[in-house]
Protein backbone atom coordinates (compact mmCIF):
# COMPACT_ATOMS: atom_id res chain seq x y z
CA MET A 1 -180.89 33.10 -117.79
CA ASN A 2 -180.46 35.97 -120.26
CA THR A 3 -184.22 36.04 -120.85
CA GLU A 4 -184.82 36.24 -117.10
CA LYS A 5 -182.39 39.15 -116.82
CA LYS A 6 -184.08 40.96 -119.71
CA ILE A 7 -187.50 40.51 -118.07
CA LYS A 8 -186.18 41.85 -114.77
CA LYS A 9 -184.55 44.81 -116.49
CA GLN A 10 -187.66 45.58 -118.52
CA PHE A 11 -190.00 45.30 -115.54
CA PHE A 12 -187.89 46.96 -112.86
CA GLY A 13 -185.46 49.09 -114.82
CA SER A 14 -182.37 48.84 -112.56
CA LYS A 15 -180.75 47.10 -109.64
CA ILE A 16 -181.86 49.92 -107.33
CA ALA A 17 -185.48 49.30 -108.34
CA ILE A 18 -185.05 45.59 -107.61
CA ARG A 19 -183.60 46.40 -104.18
CA LEU A 20 -186.49 48.76 -103.46
CA TRP A 21 -188.97 46.09 -104.56
CA CYS A 22 -187.29 43.53 -102.31
CA ILE A 23 -187.39 45.94 -99.36
CA MET A 24 -191.08 46.69 -99.90
CA MET A 25 -191.93 42.99 -100.28
CA THR A 26 -189.96 42.18 -97.14
CA LEU A 27 -192.06 44.69 -95.24
CA VAL A 28 -195.24 43.18 -96.70
CA LEU A 29 -194.16 39.65 -95.70
CA ILE A 30 -193.33 40.87 -92.20
CA ILE A 31 -196.82 42.37 -91.94
CA VAL A 32 -198.42 39.14 -93.20
CA ALA A 33 -196.35 37.10 -90.72
CA PHE A 34 -197.44 39.44 -87.96
CA MET A 35 -201.09 38.98 -88.99
CA TRP A 36 -200.73 35.19 -88.84
CA SER A 37 -198.94 35.30 -85.50
CA PHE A 38 -201.59 37.61 -84.13
CA GLN A 39 -204.36 35.33 -85.38
CA ILE A 40 -202.89 32.02 -84.21
CA LEU A 41 -200.99 32.93 -81.05
CA LEU A 42 -203.19 35.68 -79.68
CA LEU A 43 -206.71 35.70 -81.07
CA GLU A 44 -207.33 31.91 -80.90
CA LYS A 45 -206.03 31.75 -77.34
CA ASN A 46 -208.18 34.73 -76.38
CA TYR A 47 -211.25 33.04 -77.88
CA ILE A 48 -210.64 29.87 -75.79
CA ASP A 49 -209.88 31.81 -72.59
CA SER A 50 -212.95 34.01 -72.99
CA ASN A 51 -215.21 30.93 -73.41
CA ILE A 52 -213.74 29.24 -70.33
CA THR A 53 -214.12 32.43 -68.31
CA GLU A 54 -217.72 32.70 -69.47
CA VAL A 55 -218.54 29.17 -68.21
CA GLN A 56 -216.84 29.82 -64.87
CA THR A 57 -218.66 33.11 -64.43
CA ARG A 58 -222.07 31.51 -65.07
CA LEU A 59 -221.47 28.60 -62.66
CA GLU A 60 -219.92 30.55 -59.81
CA PRO A 61 -223.26 31.79 -58.30
CA LEU A 62 -224.62 28.18 -58.31
CA MET A 63 -221.75 26.36 -56.64
CA GLU A 64 -223.03 26.79 -53.05
CA ASP A 65 -226.57 25.68 -54.01
CA LEU A 66 -225.26 22.54 -55.72
CA LYS A 67 -223.64 21.34 -52.49
CA VAL A 68 -226.91 21.21 -50.50
CA GLU A 69 -229.79 21.06 -53.02
CA ASP A 70 -231.15 17.77 -54.40
CA LEU A 71 -231.17 18.07 -58.19
CA ALA A 72 -233.87 15.40 -58.55
CA TYR A 73 -236.38 17.94 -57.35
CA ASN A 74 -235.09 20.86 -59.40
CA GLU A 75 -235.38 20.03 -63.07
CA ARG A 76 -235.02 23.68 -63.96
CA LEU A 77 -231.57 23.82 -62.34
CA LEU A 78 -230.43 20.77 -64.30
CA SER A 79 -231.49 22.39 -67.53
CA TYR A 80 -229.83 25.67 -66.57
CA LEU A 81 -226.53 23.94 -65.74
CA SER A 82 -226.42 22.45 -69.22
CA SER A 83 -227.21 25.76 -70.88
CA ALA A 84 -224.76 27.62 -68.58
CA ALA A 85 -221.95 25.42 -69.84
CA ASN A 86 -223.14 26.12 -73.39
CA GLY A 87 -222.48 22.46 -74.09
CA LYS A 88 -223.24 19.04 -72.65
CA MET A 89 -223.95 17.90 -69.09
CA LEU A 90 -223.54 14.33 -67.82
CA LEU A 91 -225.26 13.12 -64.56
CA VAL A 92 -223.48 10.11 -62.95
CA ASP A 93 -224.38 8.19 -59.80
CA GLN A 94 -222.06 6.95 -57.04
CA SER A 95 -221.39 3.65 -58.82
CA GLY A 96 -220.34 5.40 -62.02
CA GLN A 97 -223.49 4.73 -64.01
CA LEU A 98 -224.58 7.42 -66.46
CA ILE A 99 -228.03 8.56 -65.33
CA ALA A 100 -228.87 11.36 -67.73
CA MET A 101 -227.38 13.63 -70.39
CA TYR A 102 -228.29 17.14 -71.44
CA SER A 103 -227.15 19.23 -74.42
CA TYR A 104 -227.55 23.01 -74.42
CA GLY A 105 -230.37 22.69 -71.83
CA HIS A 106 -232.23 19.80 -73.48
CA PRO A 107 -232.30 16.08 -72.43
CA ILE A 108 -230.56 13.59 -74.76
CA ASP A 109 -231.68 10.03 -75.55
CA MET A 110 -228.60 8.10 -74.49
CA GLY A 111 -229.53 5.11 -76.60
CA GLU A 112 -229.48 7.05 -79.87
CA ASN A 113 -226.38 9.25 -79.49
CA ARG A 114 -223.28 7.08 -79.59
CA SER A 115 -220.90 10.07 -79.60
CA ASP A 116 -222.14 11.24 -76.23
CA ILE A 117 -221.59 7.73 -74.82
CA LEU A 118 -218.03 7.83 -76.13
CA THR A 119 -217.58 11.19 -74.44
CA TRP A 120 -218.61 9.67 -71.12
CA GLU A 121 -216.35 6.65 -71.61
CA ARG A 122 -213.42 8.99 -72.20
CA ILE A 123 -214.20 10.94 -69.03
CA ALA A 124 -214.67 7.81 -66.92
CA SER A 125 -211.22 6.56 -67.96
CA SER A 126 -209.42 9.82 -67.15
CA GLU A 127 -207.45 10.62 -63.99
CA ASN A 128 -209.70 13.59 -63.26
CA TYR A 129 -212.63 11.22 -62.68
CA LEU A 130 -210.90 9.86 -59.59
CA ASN A 131 -211.04 13.36 -58.05
CA ILE A 132 -214.77 13.60 -58.40
CA LEU A 133 -215.25 10.18 -56.80
CA ASN A 134 -213.56 11.71 -53.75
CA ARG A 135 -216.23 14.42 -53.77
CA GLU A 136 -213.81 17.03 -55.11
CA THR A 137 -214.59 19.58 -57.78
CA TYR A 138 -212.23 19.59 -60.77
CA SER A 139 -211.78 21.46 -64.04
CA CYS A 140 -209.46 20.77 -66.96
CA GLU A 141 -208.80 21.56 -70.58
CA VAL A 142 -209.25 18.75 -73.12
CA MET A 143 -206.23 18.68 -75.47
CA ALA A 144 -205.91 17.07 -78.90
CA ASP A 145 -203.28 17.72 -81.57
CA ASN A 146 -201.78 20.46 -79.37
CA ARG A 147 -205.08 22.36 -79.41
CA VAL A 148 -207.64 22.90 -76.65
CA TYR A 149 -210.74 21.14 -77.97
CA GLY A 150 -212.87 21.30 -74.84
CA TYR A 151 -213.25 22.30 -71.22
CA GLU A 152 -214.58 20.06 -68.43
CA ILE A 153 -215.89 20.85 -64.96
CA GLY A 154 -216.72 18.04 -62.48
CA ILE A 155 -219.02 18.93 -59.55
CA PRO A 156 -220.20 16.62 -56.69
CA VAL A 157 -224.03 16.88 -56.23
CA VAL A 158 -226.95 15.12 -54.57
CA TYR A 159 -229.55 13.28 -56.71
CA TYR A 160 -232.54 11.57 -55.02
CA GLY A 161 -230.65 11.81 -51.75
CA GLN A 162 -227.66 9.86 -53.14
CA PRO A 163 -224.16 11.24 -53.83
CA SER A 164 -223.89 11.86 -57.53
CA TYR A 165 -221.80 13.89 -59.93
CA ILE A 166 -222.33 16.40 -62.69
CA ILE A 167 -219.74 16.73 -65.47
CA LEU A 168 -220.10 19.78 -67.72
CA VAL A 169 -218.39 19.61 -71.10
CA ARG A 170 -217.86 22.72 -73.19
CA SER A 171 -216.75 21.74 -76.71
CA PHE A 172 -214.79 24.15 -78.90
CA THR A 173 -215.41 22.21 -82.11
CA GLU A 174 -217.78 24.83 -83.50
CA LEU A 175 -215.39 27.58 -82.48
CA TYR A 176 -212.55 25.89 -84.34
CA LYS A 177 -214.73 25.56 -87.43
CA VAL A 178 -215.13 29.33 -87.38
CA LEU A 179 -211.40 29.80 -86.70
CA ASP A 180 -210.45 27.42 -89.51
CA MET A 181 -212.75 29.32 -91.86
CA ASN A 182 -211.02 32.54 -90.75
CA ARG A 183 -207.68 30.93 -91.48
CA ARG A 184 -208.75 29.98 -94.99
CA GLN A 185 -209.97 33.52 -95.53
CA LEU A 186 -206.71 34.84 -94.12
CA ILE A 187 -204.75 32.64 -96.55
CA VAL A 188 -206.69 34.01 -99.50
CA LEU A 189 -206.34 37.55 -98.17
CA SER A 190 -202.58 37.11 -97.58
CA VAL A 191 -202.01 35.78 -101.09
CA PHE A 192 -204.12 38.56 -102.59
CA LEU A 193 -202.38 41.28 -100.55
CA THR A 194 -198.96 39.86 -101.42
CA LEU A 195 -199.72 39.89 -105.14
CA VAL A 196 -201.20 43.39 -105.01
CA ALA A 197 -198.27 44.60 -102.90
CA ALA A 198 -195.80 43.04 -105.35
CA VAL A 199 -197.37 44.85 -108.30
CA LEU A 200 -197.68 48.15 -106.40
CA ALA A 201 -194.11 47.84 -105.12
CA ALA A 202 -192.84 47.28 -108.66
CA ILE A 203 -194.81 50.29 -109.97
CA LEU A 204 -193.66 52.53 -107.11
CA ALA A 205 -190.05 51.33 -107.47
CA ARG A 206 -190.08 52.18 -111.18
CA LYS A 207 -191.72 55.52 -110.47
CA PHE A 208 -189.13 56.30 -107.83
CA ILE A 209 -186.21 55.20 -110.00
CA LYS A 210 -187.38 57.06 -113.12
CA PRO A 211 -186.16 60.51 -111.98
CA ILE A 212 -182.87 58.93 -110.86
CA HIS A 213 -182.41 57.58 -114.39
CA ALA A 214 -183.17 61.04 -115.79
CA ILE A 215 -180.60 62.63 -113.47
CA LYS A 216 -177.99 59.96 -114.30
CA LYS A 217 -178.61 60.42 -118.02
CA THR A 218 -178.14 64.17 -117.61
CA VAL A 219 -174.89 63.72 -115.66
CA ASP A 220 -173.61 61.30 -118.33
CA SER A 221 -174.47 63.87 -121.01
CA LEU A 222 -172.65 66.59 -119.07
CA ALA A 223 -169.63 64.32 -118.72
CA ALA A 224 -169.78 63.65 -122.46
CA GLY A 225 -169.69 67.39 -123.19
CA ASP A 226 -173.37 68.16 -123.75
CA LEU A 227 -173.57 71.10 -121.34
CA ASN A 228 -177.14 71.96 -122.36
CA ALA A 229 -178.56 68.70 -120.96
CA THR A 230 -181.06 69.05 -118.09
CA PRO A 231 -183.12 66.44 -116.16
CA GLY A 232 -186.34 68.39 -116.77
CA LEU A 233 -187.88 67.26 -113.46
CA ASN A 234 -190.38 69.35 -111.52
CA LEU A 235 -190.45 67.63 -108.14
CA LYS A 236 -190.77 69.11 -104.66
CA ASP A 237 -188.81 66.41 -102.80
CA GLU A 238 -185.11 65.62 -102.39
CA LEU A 239 -184.93 64.26 -105.95
CA GLY A 240 -186.27 67.60 -107.15
CA GLN A 241 -183.52 69.35 -105.19
CA LEU A 242 -180.94 67.00 -106.70
CA SER A 243 -182.34 67.70 -110.17
CA HIS A 244 -182.11 71.43 -109.51
CA SER A 245 -178.51 71.01 -108.34
CA VAL A 246 -177.66 69.12 -111.55
CA GLU A 247 -179.22 71.94 -113.59
CA GLU A 248 -177.13 74.46 -111.65
CA LEU A 249 -174.08 72.27 -112.27
CA GLY A 250 -174.82 72.34 -116.00
CA GLN A 251 -175.15 76.12 -115.93
CA ALA A 252 -171.91 76.43 -113.97
CA LEU A 253 -170.16 74.15 -116.47
CA GLN A 254 -171.49 76.32 -119.29
CA ARG A 255 -170.03 79.37 -117.58
CA VAL A 256 -166.77 77.52 -117.03
CA ASP A 257 -166.71 76.51 -120.69
CA VAL A 258 -167.31 80.09 -121.77
CA LEU A 259 -164.63 81.25 -119.36
CA ARG A 260 -162.27 78.58 -120.63
CA LYS A 261 -162.72 79.81 -124.17
CA GLU A 262 -162.23 83.39 -123.02
CA VAL A 263 -159.12 82.42 -121.08
CA ILE A 264 -157.69 80.66 -124.09
CA ALA A 265 -158.52 83.63 -126.30
CA ASN A 266 -157.19 86.20 -123.82
CA VAL A 267 -154.06 84.29 -122.92
CA SER A 268 -153.28 83.54 -126.55
CA HIS A 269 -153.86 87.22 -127.37
CA GLU A 270 -151.75 88.43 -124.44
CA LEU A 271 -148.94 86.03 -125.23
CA ARG A 272 -149.05 86.67 -128.97
CA SER A 273 -148.04 90.34 -128.63
CA PRO A 274 -144.95 89.89 -126.44
CA LEU A 275 -143.91 86.84 -128.45
CA ALA A 276 -144.16 88.82 -131.68
CA LEU A 277 -142.18 91.65 -130.11
CA ILE A 278 -139.53 89.32 -128.77
CA SER A 279 -139.21 87.53 -132.11
CA GLY A 280 -139.21 90.75 -134.15
CA TYR A 281 -136.76 92.66 -132.01
CA ALA A 282 -134.50 89.64 -131.67
CA GLU A 283 -134.24 89.42 -135.47
CA MET A 284 -133.72 93.21 -135.63
CA VAL A 285 -130.92 93.05 -133.11
CA LYS A 286 -129.39 90.20 -135.04
CA ASP A 287 -129.74 91.62 -138.55
CA ILE A 288 -129.74 95.41 -138.20
CA ASN A 289 -128.66 96.86 -134.88
CA TRP A 290 -125.81 94.58 -133.91
CA LYS A 291 -123.32 97.43 -134.57
CA ASN A 292 -125.47 100.21 -132.97
CA ASP A 293 -124.88 99.73 -129.26
CA ILE A 294 -127.54 102.21 -128.11
CA LYS A 295 -130.29 100.86 -130.38
CA ARG A 296 -129.25 97.28 -129.63
CA ASN A 297 -129.48 97.86 -125.89
CA GLU A 298 -132.91 99.48 -126.25
CA ASP A 299 -134.16 96.52 -128.25
CA LEU A 300 -132.65 94.05 -125.80
CA ASP A 301 -134.27 95.91 -122.91
CA LEU A 302 -137.63 95.63 -124.65
CA ILE A 303 -137.09 91.91 -125.17
CA ILE A 304 -136.18 91.47 -121.52
CA ARG A 305 -139.19 93.52 -120.40
CA GLU A 306 -141.63 91.57 -122.54
CA THR A 307 -140.07 88.30 -121.40
CA ARG A 308 -140.57 89.35 -117.79
CA ARG A 309 -144.16 90.30 -118.53
CA MET A 310 -144.76 86.86 -120.00
CA SER A 311 -143.20 85.27 -116.94
CA GLU A 312 -145.37 87.41 -114.67
CA MET A 313 -148.45 86.43 -116.64
CA VAL A 314 -147.65 82.72 -116.28
CA ASN A 315 -146.99 83.15 -112.56
CA ASP A 316 -150.24 85.07 -112.11
CA ILE A 317 -152.21 82.40 -113.97
CA MET A 318 -150.66 79.66 -111.82
CA ASP A 319 -151.27 81.59 -108.59
CA TYR A 320 -154.88 82.27 -109.51
CA SER A 321 -155.50 78.64 -110.48
CA GLN A 322 -154.02 77.42 -107.21
CA LEU A 323 -156.09 79.88 -105.18
CA GLN A 324 -159.31 78.96 -106.95
CA SER A 325 -158.71 75.22 -106.71
CA GLY A 326 -157.88 75.40 -103.00
CA TYR A 327 -154.43 73.81 -103.37
CA LEU A 328 -152.70 76.89 -101.99
CA GLN A 329 -153.14 77.11 -98.22
CA LEU A 330 -152.63 80.29 -96.23
CA LYS A 331 -149.70 80.32 -93.80
CA LYS A 332 -150.82 82.82 -91.20
CA ASP A 333 -148.76 84.36 -88.43
CA TRP A 334 -148.41 87.69 -86.63
CA TYR A 335 -146.83 90.45 -88.75
CA ASN A 336 -146.47 94.21 -88.68
CA LEU A 337 -148.82 95.44 -91.41
CA CYS A 338 -146.86 98.69 -91.80
CA GLU A 339 -143.69 96.73 -92.59
CA VAL A 340 -145.54 94.51 -95.08
CA VAL A 341 -146.88 97.55 -96.96
CA GLU A 342 -143.53 99.33 -96.84
CA SER A 343 -141.77 96.29 -98.31
CA ALA A 344 -144.29 96.14 -101.18
CA VAL A 345 -143.86 99.88 -101.87
CA ILE A 346 -140.07 99.51 -102.05
CA HIS A 347 -140.49 96.55 -104.41
CA CYS A 348 -142.62 98.58 -106.84
CA GLU A 349 -140.56 101.84 -106.76
CA GLN A 350 -138.35 100.81 -109.67
CA SER A 351 -141.24 100.06 -112.01
CA ALA A 352 -142.92 103.34 -110.98
CA ALA A 353 -139.73 105.29 -111.61
CA GLU A 354 -139.78 104.28 -115.29
CA TYR A 355 -142.79 106.60 -115.67
CA LYS A 356 -141.50 109.21 -113.21
CA ILE A 357 -144.26 108.17 -110.80
CA LYS A 358 -143.50 108.60 -107.11
CA LEU A 359 -144.71 106.16 -104.46
CA GLN A 360 -145.22 107.42 -100.93
CA LEU A 361 -146.20 105.60 -97.73
CA ASP A 362 -148.58 107.12 -95.20
CA CYS A 363 -148.49 105.04 -91.98
CA PRO A 364 -149.13 107.13 -88.82
CA GLN A 365 -148.49 104.16 -86.49
CA ALA A 366 -145.32 102.11 -86.44
CA ASP A 367 -146.81 98.89 -85.06
CA LEU A 368 -150.01 97.49 -86.60
CA MET A 369 -149.91 93.78 -85.75
CA VAL A 370 -152.10 91.52 -87.89
CA TYR A 371 -152.59 87.74 -88.18
CA VAL A 372 -152.21 87.08 -91.93
CA ASP A 373 -150.21 85.29 -94.60
CA ALA A 374 -147.62 88.03 -95.11
CA MET A 375 -146.50 86.73 -98.53
CA LYS A 376 -150.03 86.79 -99.90
CA ILE A 377 -150.92 90.19 -98.42
CA SER A 378 -147.68 91.56 -99.86
CA GLN A 379 -148.75 90.13 -103.25
CA VAL A 380 -152.11 91.91 -102.86
CA ILE A 381 -150.42 95.26 -102.21
CA ARG A 382 -147.93 94.81 -105.07
CA ASN A 383 -150.76 93.94 -107.48
CA LEU A 384 -152.72 97.01 -106.37
CA LEU A 385 -149.61 99.19 -106.74
CA ASP A 386 -148.87 97.73 -110.22
CA ASN A 387 -152.50 98.37 -111.17
CA ALA A 388 -152.22 101.97 -109.91
CA ILE A 389 -148.94 102.50 -111.81
CA ASN A 390 -150.51 101.12 -114.98
CA HIS A 391 -153.39 103.61 -114.70
CA THR A 392 -151.54 106.71 -113.49
CA LYS A 393 -150.18 109.42 -115.73
CA ASP A 394 -146.45 110.06 -115.85
CA GLY A 395 -145.10 112.22 -113.05
CA ASP A 396 -148.02 111.77 -110.62
CA ILE A 397 -147.90 110.47 -107.06
CA ILE A 398 -149.39 107.19 -105.75
CA THR A 399 -150.05 106.92 -102.01
CA ALA A 400 -150.13 103.74 -99.93
CA SER A 401 -152.15 104.74 -96.88
CA LEU A 402 -152.77 102.87 -93.61
CA THR A 403 -155.42 104.03 -91.15
CA ALA A 404 -156.43 102.50 -87.82
CA SER A 405 -159.79 102.53 -86.02
CA HIS A 406 -161.49 100.62 -83.21
CA THR A 407 -162.75 98.06 -85.74
CA GLY A 408 -159.41 97.37 -87.45
CA TYR A 409 -156.96 98.63 -90.07
CA LYS A 410 -157.60 99.93 -93.58
CA VAL A 411 -155.03 99.74 -96.39
CA SER A 412 -155.66 102.05 -99.37
CA ILE A 413 -153.75 102.43 -102.64
CA ILE A 414 -154.66 105.89 -103.96
CA ASN A 415 -153.76 107.24 -107.39
CA PRO A 416 -154.93 110.45 -109.19
CA GLY A 417 -156.88 110.39 -112.40
CA ASP A 418 -160.31 110.14 -113.95
CA PRO A 419 -162.81 107.95 -112.07
CA ILE A 420 -163.42 104.35 -113.11
CA PRO A 421 -166.78 104.07 -114.93
CA GLU A 422 -169.51 102.58 -112.78
CA GLU A 423 -170.02 99.63 -115.15
CA ASP A 424 -166.30 98.81 -115.01
CA ARG A 425 -166.22 98.75 -111.21
CA LYS A 426 -168.49 95.70 -111.22
CA VAL A 427 -166.20 93.58 -113.41
CA ILE A 428 -162.63 94.70 -112.68
CA TRP A 429 -162.29 91.99 -109.98
CA GLU A 430 -162.97 89.31 -112.58
CA ARG A 431 -160.36 87.54 -114.66
CA TYR A 432 -158.98 89.22 -117.78
CA GLN A 433 -160.94 92.41 -117.20
CA ARG A 434 -159.35 95.83 -117.57
CA SER A 435 -160.57 99.37 -117.30
CA GLN A 436 -158.83 101.76 -119.71
CA HIS A 437 -160.00 104.88 -117.93
CA GLN A 438 -156.52 106.37 -117.73
CA GLY A 439 -152.87 105.68 -118.42
CA GLY A 440 -153.58 103.32 -121.27
CA ARG A 441 -150.37 101.32 -120.83
CA ARG A 442 -151.96 97.82 -120.76
CA GLN A 443 -148.89 96.53 -118.92
CA GLY A 444 -150.77 94.15 -116.61
CA THR A 445 -151.60 90.49 -117.10
CA GLY A 446 -155.36 90.99 -116.73
CA ILE A 447 -155.76 88.81 -113.63
CA GLY A 448 -153.95 90.90 -111.00
CA LEU A 449 -157.15 92.18 -109.39
CA SER A 450 -158.80 88.75 -109.53
CA ILE A 451 -155.80 87.41 -107.57
CA VAL A 452 -156.27 90.26 -105.09
CA SER A 453 -159.94 89.31 -104.76
CA SER A 454 -159.16 85.61 -104.19
CA ILE A 455 -156.50 86.26 -101.54
CA LEU A 456 -158.66 88.77 -99.63
CA ASN A 457 -161.66 86.41 -99.78
CA ALA A 458 -159.47 83.67 -98.35
CA HIS A 459 -158.54 86.06 -95.50
CA GLU A 460 -162.23 87.06 -95.14
CA MET A 461 -161.31 90.71 -95.56
CA PRO A 462 -163.72 93.26 -97.08
CA TYR A 463 -162.38 95.16 -100.10
CA GLY A 464 -163.51 97.57 -102.79
CA VAL A 465 -162.76 100.59 -104.94
CA ASP A 466 -163.85 104.23 -104.46
CA CYS A 467 -163.62 107.14 -106.86
CA ALA A 468 -163.92 110.70 -105.53
CA ASP A 469 -162.25 114.10 -105.87
CA GLY A 470 -160.24 113.06 -108.90
CA LYS A 471 -158.68 110.07 -107.14
CA THR A 472 -159.17 106.31 -107.27
CA SER A 473 -158.70 104.29 -104.08
CA PHE A 474 -158.43 100.50 -103.97
CA TRP A 475 -158.76 99.37 -100.36
CA PHE A 476 -159.16 96.40 -98.04
CA LEU A 477 -159.88 96.06 -94.31
CA TYR A 478 -158.31 93.94 -91.62
CA LEU A 479 -161.00 93.57 -88.93
CA ASN A 480 -160.06 93.05 -85.28
CA GLU A 481 -162.83 90.44 -84.97
CA ASN A 482 -160.62 88.11 -87.02
CA GLU A 483 -158.27 87.96 -84.02
CA SER A 484 -161.06 86.87 -81.67
CA SER A 485 -161.68 83.75 -83.79
CA LEU A 486 -158.13 82.51 -83.29
């Protein structure tokens, strides 16, 4: 049994290949069965019917002449009747005596051909013979072994002025010899086609399954950590598309792996600084400044601030991971956009005041109703405000502006300062990317703008950044067409 399994595995390669081979062979066997059914049930019957029709067609013009003409004086007609039947003709008198026999138009010596005598004896003993004695024409098929072996036609005639009978016998023995030869040929052809089809099916099954094995091997390698593995297939069909998708998956996993390493490096770097500060200042407060209330409070404030920044970083990382993985669903409802922006501005005023930065709200309309997740949009505005505070010089003014048009509403967070370099504008929406074009505080977590990007993408809102006239504007649009899709 093990040897048989090894042979199957070596020849076919997999269970899928065996299934494909079985399917192909089933189709081949169905075709062979159809060929046999067509040959036996249709072609053979058509051969018999066509021969019978041929005999009937040849005799039909002579039937009226046979009723009135004396065959003893028309030897040519006797010969023609035999040849018209394409078989044998028996001439019988009123008493049932066999007068003459013809075969394919030629007279037969009745004393020498015993088989023809037996044919007549069979006819004379049949029920159909009684019909002809009553001067009635008859025709019948001669059956043997569930096959039509002959066709008979009995016709009343006149011979030397006496009532007589002609019996035409069309034998299908020669036809069945040809059909049996065709069957033997069909058997050989069926066996040959089955063997050839089996070999071709096995080859095609292996050829079809080979790229699947390559793709599976690549996926296994990717799962094992070999992110450089590729199927290496150059096909134009669906398997080629699948191979291309696996290659793209490998490339995406490489990017994810690089990003993972960068995240680990960035997070460890970002956490290392506040942890060092917390540890150092905690020891300082404990060992040095415990009697100096002012210095102690300053150090404790720094510890609290760094602790909060670490907490914000963890929260931002969790929020971003949830947004990217799709676990966090938007909870949309109708809200006043002006109130949402105003609430975010009030929330960020305290952190702006530490640097003597003033936040102002510019909202010309009191009611700007939007269908959004208010908590997430508020998080977007707070992140944009924190980003503006982090990159605005002390004492400047940051403006949160809302403008309305026939297409929708635009929210802009505008802060003064040098423009963001063009190369930085392309990457600031990515994780752990910063632009140190101004301010230089590095107070953010590095993923605030990527969270903004994820939330706005989830809301299908356009967004961007513009730099002009000494000001930087981060903006996003709420389009009225979003309401029509509700």
